[in-house]
Amino acid sequence: TSLCSCSGKNVSYQDGTYEGKSEPYETE
């Protein structure tokens, strides 16, 4: 658990407004 929590990259974000969209989900 300790190794996993340290292995993630440290990401920083630019101020602003951002839109994100998921791929269409289709049920059968």
mmCIF file of all heavy atoms, coordinates in Angstrom:
data_MODEL
# 
_entry.id   MODEL 
# 
loop_
_atom_site.group_PDB 
_atom_site.id 
_atom_site.type_symbol 
_atom_site.label_atom_id 
_atom_site.label_alt_id 
_atom_site.label_comp_id 
_atom_site.label_asym_id 
_atom_site.label_entity_id 
_atom_site.label_seq_id 
_atom_site.pdbx_PDB_ins_code 
_atom_site.Cartn_x 
_atom_site.Cartn_y 
_atom_site.Cartn_z 
_atom_site.occupancy 
_atom_site.B_iso_or_equiv 
_atom_site.pdbx_formal_charge 
_atom_site.auth_seq_id 
_atom_site.auth_comp_id 
_atom_site.auth_asym_id 
_atom_site.auth_atom_id 
_atom_site.pdbx_PDB_model_num 
ATOM 1   N N   . THR A 1 1  ? 0.829   -1.200 0.000   1.00 0.00 ? 1  THR A N   1 
ATOM 2   C CA  . THR A 1 1  ? 0.000   0.000  0.000   1.00 0.00 ? 1  THR A CA  1 
ATOM 3   C C   . THR A 1 1  ? 0.866   1.253  0.000   1.00 0.00 ? 1  THR A C   1 
ATOM 4   O O   . THR A 1 1  ? 0.601   2.212  -0.727  1.00 0.00 ? 1  THR A O   1 
ATOM 5   C CB  . THR A 1 1  ? -0.939  0.015  1.231   1.00 0.00 ? 1  THR A CB  1 
ATOM 6   O OG1 . THR A 1 1  ? -1.721  -1.164 1.204   1.00 0.00 ? 1  THR A OG1 1 
ATOM 7   C CG2 . THR A 1 1  ? -1.827  1.230  1.236   1.00 0.00 ? 1  THR A CG2 1 
ATOM 8   N N   . SER A 1 2  ? 1.926   1.236  0.774   1.00 0.00 ? 2  SER A N   1 
ATOM 9   C CA  . SER A 1 2  ? 2.834   2.375  0.824   1.00 0.00 ? 2  SER A CA  1 
ATOM 10  C C   . SER A 1 2  ? 3.503   2.609  -0.521  1.00 0.00 ? 2  SER A C   1 
ATOM 11  O O   . SER A 1 2  ? 3.589   3.745  -0.996  1.00 0.00 ? 2  SER A O   1 
ATOM 12  C CB  . SER A 1 2  ? 3.891   2.131  1.905   1.00 0.00 ? 2  SER A CB  1 
ATOM 13  O OG  . SER A 1 2  ? 4.896   3.095  1.845   1.00 0.00 ? 2  SER A OG  1 
ATOM 14  N N   . LEU A 1 3  ? 3.950   1.548  -1.156  1.00 0.00 ? 3  LEU A N   1 
ATOM 15  C CA  . LEU A 1 3  ? 4.581   1.678  -2.462  1.00 0.00 ? 3  LEU A CA  1 
ATOM 16  C C   . LEU A 1 3  ? 3.599   2.204  -3.498  1.00 0.00 ? 3  LEU A C   1 
ATOM 17  O O   . LEU A 1 3  ? 3.931   3.043  -4.323  1.00 0.00 ? 3  LEU A O   1 
ATOM 18  C CB  . LEU A 1 3  ? 5.138   0.329  -2.928  1.00 0.00 ? 3  LEU A CB  1 
ATOM 19  C CG  . LEU A 1 3  ? 6.397   -0.163 -2.235  1.00 0.00 ? 3  LEU A CG  1 
ATOM 20  C CD1 . LEU A 1 3  ? 6.716   -1.587 -2.675  1.00 0.00 ? 3  LEU A CD1 1 
ATOM 21  C CD2 . LEU A 1 3  ? 7.561   0.763  -2.540  1.00 0.00 ? 3  LEU A CD2 1 
ATOM 22  N N   . CYS A 1 4  ? 2.379   1.701  -3.467  1.00 0.00 ? 4  CYS A N   1 
ATOM 23  C CA  . CYS A 1 4  ? 1.378   2.118  -4.450  1.00 0.00 ? 4  CYS A CA  1 
ATOM 24  C C   . CYS A 1 4  ? 1.032   3.591  -4.289  1.00 0.00 ? 4  CYS A C   1 
ATOM 25  O O   . CYS A 1 4  ? 0.850   4.298  -5.258  1.00 0.00 ? 4  CYS A O   1 
ATOM 26  C CB  . CYS A 1 4  ? 0.110   1.275  -4.323  1.00 0.00 ? 4  CYS A CB  1 
ATOM 27  S SG  . CYS A 1 4  ? 0.359   -0.427 -4.866  1.00 0.00 ? 4  CYS A SG  1 
ATOM 28  N N   . SER A 1 5  ? 0.926   4.063  -3.052  1.00 0.00 ? 5  SER A N   1 
ATOM 29  C CA  . SER A 1 5  ? 0.536   5.447  -2.855  1.00 0.00 ? 5  SER A CA  1 
ATOM 30  C C   . SER A 1 5  ? 1.653   6.413  -3.235  1.00 0.00 ? 5  SER A C   1 
ATOM 31  O O   . SER A 1 5  ? 1.397   7.558  -3.559  1.00 0.00 ? 5  SER A O   1 
ATOM 32  C CB  . SER A 1 5  ? 0.105   5.681  -1.401  1.00 0.00 ? 5  SER A CB  1 
ATOM 33  O OG  . SER A 1 5  ? 1.205   5.475  -0.541  1.00 0.00 ? 5  SER A OG  1 
ATOM 34  N N   . CYS A 1 6  ? 2.901   5.933  -3.241  1.00 0.00 ? 6  CYS A N   1 
ATOM 35  C CA  . CYS A 1 6  ? 3.999   6.821  -3.598  1.00 0.00 ? 6  CYS A CA  1 
ATOM 36  C C   . CYS A 1 6  ? 4.311   6.802  -5.083  1.00 0.00 ? 6  CYS A C   1 
ATOM 37  O O   . CYS A 1 6  ? 5.023   7.658  -5.575  1.00 0.00 ? 6  CYS A O   1 
ATOM 38  C CB  . CYS A 1 6  ? 5.256   6.421  -2.830  1.00 0.00 ? 6  CYS A CB  1 
ATOM 39  S SG  . CYS A 1 6  ? 5.119   6.681  -1.069  1.00 0.00 ? 6  CYS A SG  1 
ATOM 40  N N   . SER A 1 7  ? 3.804   5.817  -5.800  1.00 0.00 ? 7  SER A N   1 
ATOM 41  C CA  . SER A 1 7  ? 4.190   5.676  -7.195  1.00 0.00 ? 7  SER A CA  1 
ATOM 42  C C   . SER A 1 7  ? 3.391   6.568  -8.136  1.00 0.00 ? 7  SER A C   1 
ATOM 43  O O   . SER A 1 7  ? 3.754   6.718  -9.277  1.00 0.00 ? 7  SER A O   1 
ATOM 44  C CB  . SER A 1 7  ? 4.048   4.216  -7.632  1.00 0.00 ? 7  SER A CB  1 
ATOM 45  O OG  . SER A 1 7  ? 2.683   3.837  -7.580  1.00 0.00 ? 7  SER A OG  1 
ATOM 46  N N   . GLY A 1 8  ? 2.279   7.148  -7.663  1.00 0.00 ? 8  GLY A N   1 
ATOM 47  C CA  . GLY A 1 8  ? 1.470   8.009  -8.523  1.00 0.00 ? 8  GLY A CA  1 
ATOM 48  C C   . GLY A 1 8  ? 2.194   9.302  -8.820  1.00 0.00 ? 8  GLY A C   1 
ATOM 49  O O   . GLY A 1 8  ? 2.936   9.827  -8.000  1.00 0.00 ? 8  GLY A O   1 
ATOM 50  N N   . LYS A 1 9  ? 1.965   9.831  -10.032 1.00 0.00 ? 9  LYS A N   1 
ATOM 51  C CA  . LYS A 1 9  ? 2.654   11.065 -10.389 1.00 0.00 ? 9  LYS A CA  1 
ATOM 52  C C   . LYS A 1 9  ? 1.977   12.257 -9.728  1.00 0.00 ? 9  LYS A C   1 
ATOM 53  O O   . LYS A 1 9  ? 0.774   12.265 -9.496  1.00 0.00 ? 9  LYS A O   1 
ATOM 54  C CB  . LYS A 1 9  ? 2.697   11.238 -11.901 1.00 0.00 ? 9  LYS A CB  1 
ATOM 55  C CG  . LYS A 1 9  ? 1.338   11.383 -12.569 1.00 0.00 ? 9  LYS A CG  1 
ATOM 56  C CD  . LYS A 1 9  ? 1.510   11.555 -14.054 1.00 0.00 ? 9  LYS A CD  1 
ATOM 57  C CE  . LYS A 1 9  ? 0.137   11.783 -14.687 1.00 0.00 ? 9  LYS A CE  1 
ATOM 58  N NZ  . LYS A 1 9  ? 0.219   12.108 -16.085 1.00 0.00 ? 9  LYS A NZ  1 
ATOM 59  N N   . ASN A 1 10 ? 2.764   13.244 -9.405  1.00 0.00 ? 10 ASN A N   1 
ATOM 60  C CA  . ASN A 1 10 ? 2.252   14.457 -8.787  1.00 0.00 ? 10 ASN A CA  1 
ATOM 61  C C   . ASN A 1 10 ? 1.848   15.404 -9.915  1.00 0.00 ? 10 ASN A C   1 
ATOM 62  O O   . ASN A 1 10 ? 2.687   15.909 -10.633 1.00 0.00 ? 10 ASN A O   1 
ATOM 63  C CB  . ASN A 1 10 ? 3.330   15.080 -7.895  1.00 0.00 ? 10 ASN A CB  1 
ATOM 64  C CG  . ASN A 1 10 ? 2.785   16.220 -7.080  1.00 0.00 ? 10 ASN A CG  1 
ATOM 65  O OD1 . ASN A 1 10 ? 1.575   16.406 -6.989  1.00 0.00 ? 10 ASN A OD1 1 
ATOM 66  N ND2 . ASN A 1 10 ? 3.684   16.976 -6.478  1.00 0.00 ? 10 ASN A ND2 1 
ATOM 67  N N   . VAL A 1 11 ? 0.555   15.612 -10.068 1.00 0.00 ? 11 VAL A N   1 
ATOM 68  C CA  . VAL A 1 11 ? 0.026   16.395 -11.170 1.00 0.00 ? 11 VAL A CA  1 
ATOM 69  C C   . VAL A 1 11 ? -0.475  17.728 -10.633 1.00 0.00 ? 11 VAL A C   1 
ATOM 70  O O   . VAL A 1 11 ? -1.103  17.796 -9.587  1.00 0.00 ? 11 VAL A O   1 
ATOM 71  C CB  . VAL A 1 11 ? -1.142  15.647 -11.859 1.00 0.00 ? 11 VAL A CB  1 
ATOM 72  C CG1 . VAL A 1 11 ? -1.731  16.470 -12.978 1.00 0.00 ? 11 VAL A CG1 1 
ATOM 73  C CG2 . VAL A 1 11 ? -0.677  14.306 -12.368 1.00 0.00 ? 11 VAL A CG2 1 
ATOM 74  N N   . SER A 1 12 ? -0.174  18.792 -11.361 1.00 0.00 ? 12 SER A N   1 
ATOM 75  C CA  . SER A 1 12 ? -0.733  20.100 -11.004 1.00 0.00 ? 12 SER A CA  1 
ATOM 76  C C   . SER A 1 12 ? -1.600  20.577 -12.163 1.00 0.00 ? 12 SER A C   1 
ATOM 77  O O   . SER A 1 12 ? -1.406  20.194 -13.317 1.00 0.00 ? 12 SER A O   1 
ATOM 78  C CB  . SER A 1 12 ? 0.374   21.097 -10.686 1.00 0.00 ? 12 SER A CB  1 
ATOM 79  O OG  . SER A 1 12 ? 1.254   21.226 -11.767 1.00 0.00 ? 12 SER A OG  1 
ATOM 80  N N   . TYR A 1 13 ? -2.581  21.414 -11.818 1.00 0.00 ? 13 TYR A N   1 
ATOM 81  C CA  . TYR A 1 13 ? -3.572  21.845 -12.794 1.00 0.00 ? 13 TYR A CA  1 
ATOM 82  C C   . TYR A 1 13 ? -3.561  23.357 -12.968 1.00 0.00 ? 13 TYR A C   1 
ATOM 83  O O   . TYR A 1 13 ? -3.335  24.102 -12.022 1.00 0.00 ? 13 TYR A O   1 
ATOM 84  C CB  . TYR A 1 13 ? -4.966  21.384 -12.365 1.00 0.00 ? 13 TYR A CB  1 
ATOM 85  C CG  . TYR A 1 13 ? -5.066  19.892 -12.224 1.00 0.00 ? 13 TYR A CG  1 
ATOM 86  C CD1 . TYR A 1 13 ? -5.147  19.296 -10.974 1.00 0.00 ? 13 TYR A CD1 1 
ATOM 87  C CD2 . TYR A 1 13 ? -5.053  19.072 -13.347 1.00 0.00 ? 13 TYR A CD2 1 
ATOM 88  C CE1 . TYR A 1 13 ? -5.228  17.914 -10.859 1.00 0.00 ? 13 TYR A CE1 1 
ATOM 89  C CE2 . TYR A 1 13 ? -5.127  17.697 -13.228 1.00 0.00 ? 13 TYR A CE2 1 
ATOM 90  C CZ  . TYR A 1 13 ? -5.211  17.122 -11.975 1.00 0.00 ? 13 TYR A CZ  1 
ATOM 91  O OH  . TYR A 1 13 ? -5.276  15.757 -11.866 1.00 0.00 ? 13 TYR A OH  1 
ATOM 92  N N   . GLN A 1 14 ? -3.838  23.774 -14.203 1.00 0.00 ? 14 GLN A N   1 
ATOM 93  C CA  . GLN A 1 14 ? -3.947  25.191 -14.530 1.00 0.00 ? 14 GLN A CA  1 
ATOM 94  C C   . GLN A 1 14 ? -5.333  25.679 -14.108 1.00 0.00 ? 14 GLN A C   1 
ATOM 95  O O   . GLN A 1 14 ? -6.322  24.973 -14.267 1.00 0.00 ? 14 GLN A O   1 
ATOM 96  C CB  . GLN A 1 14 ? -3.799  25.398 -16.036 1.00 0.00 ? 14 GLN A CB  1 
ATOM 97  C CG  . GLN A 1 14 ? -2.466  24.969 -16.586 1.00 0.00 ? 14 GLN A CG  1 
ATOM 98  C CD  . GLN A 1 14 ? -2.422  25.150 -18.088 1.00 0.00 ? 14 GLN A CD  1 
ATOM 99  O OE1 . GLN A 1 14 ? -2.695  26.230 -18.595 1.00 0.00 ? 14 GLN A OE1 1 
ATOM 100 N NE2 . GLN A 1 14 ? -2.098  24.084 -18.799 1.00 0.00 ? 14 GLN A NE2 1 
ATOM 101 N N   . ASP A 1 15 ? -5.391  26.898 -13.593 1.00 0.00 ? 15 ASP A N   1 
ATOM 102 C CA  . ASP A 1 15 ? -6.676  27.490 -13.243 1.00 0.00 ? 15 ASP A CA  1 
ATOM 103 C C   . ASP A 1 15 ? -7.506  27.685 -14.500 1.00 0.00 ? 15 ASP A C   1 
ATOM 104 O O   . ASP A 1 15 ? -6.983  27.953 -15.578 1.00 0.00 ? 15 ASP A O   1 
ATOM 105 C CB  . ASP A 1 15 ? -6.477  28.833 -12.547 1.00 0.00 ? 15 ASP A CB  1 
ATOM 106 C CG  . ASP A 1 15 ? -5.903  28.688 -11.141 1.00 0.00 ? 15 ASP A CG  1 
ATOM 107 O OD1 . ASP A 1 15 ? -5.747  27.546 -10.670 1.00 0.00 ? 15 ASP A OD1 1 
ATOM 108 O OD2 . ASP A 1 15 ? -5.620  29.724 -10.521 1.00 0.00 ? 15 ASP A OD2 1 
ATOM 109 N N   . GLY A 1 16 ? -8.813  27.518 -14.347 1.00 0.00 ? 16 GLY A N   1 
ATOM 110 C CA  . GLY A 1 16 ? -9.718  27.708 -15.473 1.00 0.00 ? 16 GLY A CA  1 
ATOM 111 C C   . GLY A 1 16 ? -10.915 26.789 -15.359 1.00 0.00 ? 16 GLY A C   1 
ATOM 112 O O   . GLY A 1 16 ? -11.102 26.086 -14.367 1.00 0.00 ? 16 GLY A O   1 
ATOM 113 N N   . THR A 1 17 ? -11.733 26.799 -16.387 1.00 0.00 ? 17 THR A N   1 
ATOM 114 C CA  . THR A 1 17 ? -12.903 25.924 -16.464 1.00 0.00 ? 17 THR A CA  1 
ATOM 115 C C   . THR A 1 17 ? -12.690 24.945 -17.600 1.00 0.00 ? 17 THR A C   1 
ATOM 116 O O   . THR A 1 17 ? -12.305 25.336 -18.706 1.00 0.00 ? 17 THR A O   1 
ATOM 117 C CB  . THR A 1 17 ? -14.188 26.752 -16.689 1.00 0.00 ? 17 THR A CB  1 
ATOM 118 O OG1 . THR A 1 17 ? -14.323 27.678 -15.606 1.00 0.00 ? 17 THR A OG1 1 
ATOM 119 C CG2 . THR A 1 17 ? -15.412 25.859 -16.728 1.00 0.00 ? 17 THR A CG2 1 
ATOM 120 N N   . TYR A 1 18 ? -12.937 23.676 -17.311 1.00 0.00 ? 18 TYR A N   1 
ATOM 121 C CA  . TYR A 1 18 ? -12.656 22.610 -18.264 1.00 0.00 ? 18 TYR A CA  1 
ATOM 122 C C   . TYR A 1 18 ? -13.863 21.684 -18.383 1.00 0.00 ? 18 TYR A C   1 
ATOM 123 O O   . TYR A 1 18 ? -14.491 21.352 -17.382 1.00 0.00 ? 18 TYR A O   1 
ATOM 124 C CB  . TYR A 1 18 ? -11.426 21.811 -17.830 1.00 0.00 ? 18 TYR A CB  1 
ATOM 125 C CG  . TYR A 1 18 ? -10.203 22.680 -17.686 1.00 0.00 ? 18 TYR A CG  1 
ATOM 126 C CD1 . TYR A 1 18 ? -9.898  23.281 -16.471 1.00 0.00 ? 18 TYR A CD1 1 
ATOM 127 C CD2 . TYR A 1 18 ? -9.389  22.928 -18.781 1.00 0.00 ? 18 TYR A CD2 1 
ATOM 128 C CE1 . TYR A 1 18 ? -8.792  24.106 -16.343 1.00 0.00 ? 18 TYR A CE1 1 
ATOM 129 C CE2 . TYR A 1 18 ? -8.274  23.748 -18.661 1.00 0.00 ? 18 TYR A CE2 1 
ATOM 130 C CZ  . TYR A 1 18 ? -7.988  24.332 -17.442 1.00 0.00 ? 18 TYR A CZ  1 
ATOM 131 O OH  . TYR A 1 18 ? -6.895  25.148 -17.322 1.00 0.00 ? 18 TYR A OH  1 
ATOM 132 N N   . GLU A 1 19 ? -14.134 21.276 -19.612 1.00 0.00 ? 19 GLU A N   1 
ATOM 133 C CA  . GLU A 1 19 ? -15.227 20.333 -19.856 1.00 0.00 ? 19 GLU A CA  1 
ATOM 134 C C   . GLU A 1 19 ? -14.649 18.976 -20.198 1.00 0.00 ? 19 GLU A C   1 
ATOM 135 O O   . GLU A 1 19 ? -13.672 18.871 -20.935 1.00 0.00 ? 19 GLU A O   1 
ATOM 136 C CB  . GLU A 1 19 ? -16.108 20.811 -21.005 1.00 0.00 ? 19 GLU A CB  1 
ATOM 137 C CG  . GLU A 1 19 ? -17.271 19.853 -21.289 1.00 0.00 ? 19 GLU A CG  1 
ATOM 138 C CD  . GLU A 1 19 ? -18.173 20.337 -22.406 1.00 0.00 ? 19 GLU A CD  1 
ATOM 139 O OE1 . GLU A 1 19 ? -19.009 21.204 -22.132 1.00 0.00 ? 19 GLU A OE1 1 
ATOM 140 O OE2 . GLU A 1 19 ? -18.004 19.836 -23.542 1.00 0.00 ? 19 GLU A OE2 1 
ATOM 141 N N   . GLY A 1 20 ? -15.254 17.945 -19.641 1.00 0.00 ? 20 GLY A N   1 
ATOM 142 C CA  . GLY A 1 20 ? -14.877 16.578 -19.958 1.00 0.00 ? 20 GLY A CA  1 
ATOM 143 C C   . GLY A 1 20 ? -16.118 15.784 -20.313 1.00 0.00 ? 20 GLY A C   1 
ATOM 144 O O   . GLY A 1 20 ? -17.210 16.063 -19.814 1.00 0.00 ? 20 GLY A O   1 
ATOM 145 N N   . LYS A 1 21 ? -15.940 14.819 -21.169 1.00 0.00 ? 21 LYS A N   1 
ATOM 146 C CA  . LYS A 1 21 ? -17.069 14.018 -21.641 1.00 0.00 ? 21 LYS A CA  1 
ATOM 147 C C   . LYS A 1 21 ? -16.689 12.543 -21.621 1.00 0.00 ? 21 LYS A C   1 
ATOM 148 O O   . LYS A 1 21 ? -15.567 12.183 -21.963 1.00 0.00 ? 21 LYS A O   1 
ATOM 149 C CB  . LYS A 1 21 ? -17.426 14.454 -23.066 1.00 0.00 ? 21 LYS A CB  1 
ATOM 150 C CG  . LYS A 1 21 ? -18.623 13.770 -23.655 1.00 0.00 ? 21 LYS A CG  1 
ATOM 151 C CD  . LYS A 1 21 ? -18.923 14.348 -25.039 1.00 0.00 ? 21 LYS A CD  1 
ATOM 152 C CE  . LYS A 1 21 ? -20.018 13.594 -25.739 1.00 0.00 ? 21 LYS A CE  1 
ATOM 153 N NZ  . LYS A 1 21 ? -20.264 14.093 -27.100 1.00 0.00 ? 21 LYS A NZ  1 
ATOM 154 N N   . SER A 1 22 ? -17.647 11.715 -21.219 1.00 0.00 ? 22 SER A N   1 
ATOM 155 C CA  . SER A 1 22 ? -17.413 10.275 -21.257 1.00 0.00 ? 22 SER A CA  1 
ATOM 156 C C   . SER A 1 22 ? -17.774 9.753  -22.640 1.00 0.00 ? 22 SER A C   1 
ATOM 157 O O   . SER A 1 22 ? -18.499 10.399 -23.398 1.00 0.00 ? 22 SER A O   1 
ATOM 158 C CB  . SER A 1 22 ? -18.262 9.566  -20.194 1.00 0.00 ? 22 SER A CB  1 
ATOM 159 O OG  . SER A 1 22 ? -19.632 9.571  -20.552 1.00 0.00 ? 22 SER A OG  1 
ATOM 160 N N   . GLU A 1 23 ? -17.284 8.598  -22.940 1.00 0.00 ? 23 GLU A N   1 
ATOM 161 C CA  . GLU A 1 23 ? -17.681 7.917  -24.165 1.00 0.00 ? 23 GLU A CA  1 
ATOM 162 C C   . GLU A 1 23 ? -19.139 7.489  -24.006 1.00 0.00 ? 23 GLU A C   1 
ATOM 163 O O   . GLU A 1 23 ? -19.582 7.223  -22.889 1.00 0.00 ? 23 GLU A O   1 
ATOM 164 C CB  . GLU A 1 23 ? -16.803 6.692  -24.414 1.00 0.00 ? 23 GLU A CB  1 
ATOM 165 C CG  . GLU A 1 23 ? -15.380 7.035  -24.791 1.00 0.00 ? 23 GLU A CG  1 
ATOM 166 C CD  . GLU A 1 23 ? -15.277 7.755  -26.124 1.00 0.00 ? 23 GLU A CD  1 
ATOM 167 O OE1 . GLU A 1 23 ? -15.975 7.363  -27.075 1.00 0.00 ? 23 GLU A OE1 1 
ATOM 168 O OE2 . GLU A 1 23 ? -14.499 8.714  -26.212 1.00 0.00 ? 23 GLU A OE2 1 
ATOM 169 N N   . PRO A 1 24 ? -19.879 7.397  -25.100 1.00 0.00 ? 24 PRO A N   1 
ATOM 170 C CA  . PRO A 1 24 ? -21.265 6.931  -25.003 1.00 0.00 ? 24 PRO A CA  1 
ATOM 171 C C   . PRO A 1 24 ? -21.326 5.525  -24.419 1.00 0.00 ? 24 PRO A C   1 
ATOM 172 O O   . PRO A 1 24 ? -20.518 4.666  -24.761 1.00 0.00 ? 24 PRO A O   1 
ATOM 173 C CB  . PRO A 1 24 ? -21.756 6.937  -26.448 1.00 0.00 ? 24 PRO A CB  1 
ATOM 174 C CG  . PRO A 1 24 ? -20.873 7.907  -27.142 1.00 0.00 ? 24 PRO A CG  1 
ATOM 175 C CD  . PRO A 1 24 ? -19.533 7.797  -26.464 1.00 0.00 ? 24 PRO A CD  1 
ATOM 176 N N   . TYR A 1 25 ? -22.270 5.339  -23.522 1.00 0.00 ? 25 TYR A N   1 
ATOM 177 C CA  . TYR A 1 25 ? -22.502 4.035  -22.913 1.00 0.00 ? 25 TYR A CA  1 
ATOM 178 C C   . TYR A 1 25 ? -23.772 3.470  -23.514 1.00 0.00 ? 25 TYR A C   1 
ATOM 179 O O   . TYR A 1 25 ? -24.801 4.133  -23.538 1.00 0.00 ? 25 TYR A O   1 
ATOM 180 C CB  . TYR A 1 25 ? -22.659 4.165  -21.395 1.00 0.00 ? 25 TYR A CB  1 
ATOM 181 C CG  . TYR A 1 25 ? -22.942 2.849  -20.723 1.00 0.00 ? 25 TYR A CG  1 
ATOM 182 C CD1 . TYR A 1 25 ? -21.902 1.999  -20.379 1.00 0.00 ? 25 TYR A CD1 1 
ATOM 183 C CD2 . TYR A 1 25 ? -24.237 2.438  -20.464 1.00 0.00 ? 25 TYR A CD2 1 
ATOM 184 C CE1 . TYR A 1 25 ? -22.153 0.771  -19.783 1.00 0.00 ? 25 TYR A CE1 1 
ATOM 185 C CE2 . TYR A 1 25 ? -24.493 1.218  -19.872 1.00 0.00 ? 25 TYR A CE2 1 
ATOM 186 C CZ  . TYR A 1 25 ? -23.446 0.398  -19.523 1.00 0.00 ? 25 TYR A CZ  1 
ATOM 187 O OH  . TYR A 1 25 ? -23.700 -0.810 -18.946 1.00 0.00 ? 25 TYR A OH  1 
ATOM 188 N N   . GLU A 1 26 ? -23.679 2.263  -24.007 1.00 0.00 ? 26 GLU A N   1 
ATOM 189 C CA  . GLU A 1 26 ? -24.844 1.640  -24.620 1.00 0.00 ? 26 GLU A CA  1 
ATOM 190 C C   . GLU A 1 26 ? -25.172 0.351  -23.892 1.00 0.00 ? 26 GLU A C   1 
ATOM 191 O O   . GLU A 1 26 ? -24.319 -0.508 -23.736 1.00 0.00 ? 26 GLU A O   1 
ATOM 192 C CB  . GLU A 1 26 ? -24.586 1.360  -26.102 1.00 0.00 ? 26 GLU A CB  1 
ATOM 193 C CG  . GLU A 1 26 ? -24.343 2.624  -26.894 1.00 0.00 ? 26 GLU A CG  1 
ATOM 194 C CD  . GLU A 1 26 ? -24.207 2.373  -28.385 1.00 0.00 ? 26 GLU A CD  1 
ATOM 195 O OE1 . GLU A 1 26 ? -24.981 1.559  -28.911 1.00 0.00 ? 26 GLU A OE1 1 
ATOM 196 O OE2 . GLU A 1 26 ? -23.332 2.988  -28.988 1.00 0.00 ? 26 GLU A OE2 1 
ATOM 197 N N   . THR A 1 27 ? -26.418 0.254  -23.434 1.00 0.00 ? 27 THR A N   1 
ATOM 198 C CA  . THR A 1 27 ? -26.865 -0.986 -22.809 1.00 0.00 ? 27 THR A CA  1 
ATOM 199 C C   . THR A 1 27 ? -27.282 -1.953 -23.891 1.00 0.00 ? 27 THR A C   1 
ATOM 200 O O   . THR A 1 27 ? -27.574 -1.559 -25.012 1.00 0.00 ? 27 THR A O   1 
ATOM 201 C CB  . THR A 1 27 ? -28.055 -0.730 -21.865 1.00 0.00 ? 27 THR A CB  1 
ATOM 202 O OG1 . THR A 1 27 ? -29.103 -0.101 -22.603 1.00 0.00 ? 27 THR A OG1 1 
ATOM 203 C CG2 . THR A 1 27 ? -27.654 0.148  -20.700 1.00 0.00 ? 27 THR A CG2 1 
ATOM 204 N N   . GLU A 1 28 ? -27.303 -3.222 -23.543 1.00 0.00 ? 28 GLU A N   1 
ATOM 205 C CA  . GLU A 1 28 ? -27.715 -4.240 -24.505 1.00 0.00 ? 28 GLU A CA  1 
ATOM 206 C C   . GLU A 1 28 ? -29.233 -4.358 -24.501 1.00 0.00 ? 28 GLU A C   1 
ATOM 207 O O   . GLU A 1 28 ? -29.889 -4.073 -23.515 1.00 0.00 ? 28 GLU A O   1 
ATOM 208 C CB  . GLU A 1 28 ? -27.070 -5.571 -24.155 1.00 0.00 ? 28 GLU A CB  1 
ATOM 209 C CG  . GLU A 1 28 ? -25.559 -5.533 -24.335 1.00 0.00 ? 28 GLU A CG  1 
ATOM 210 C CD  . GLU A 1 28 ? -24.925 -6.878 -24.090 1.00 0.00 ? 28 GLU A CD  1 
ATOM 211 O OE1 . GLU A 1 28 ? -25.600 -7.907 -24.229 1.00 0.00 ? 28 GLU A OE1 1 
ATOM 212 O OE2 . GLU A 1 28 ? -23.732 -6.884 -23.768 1.00 0.00 ? 28 GLU A OE2 1 
# 
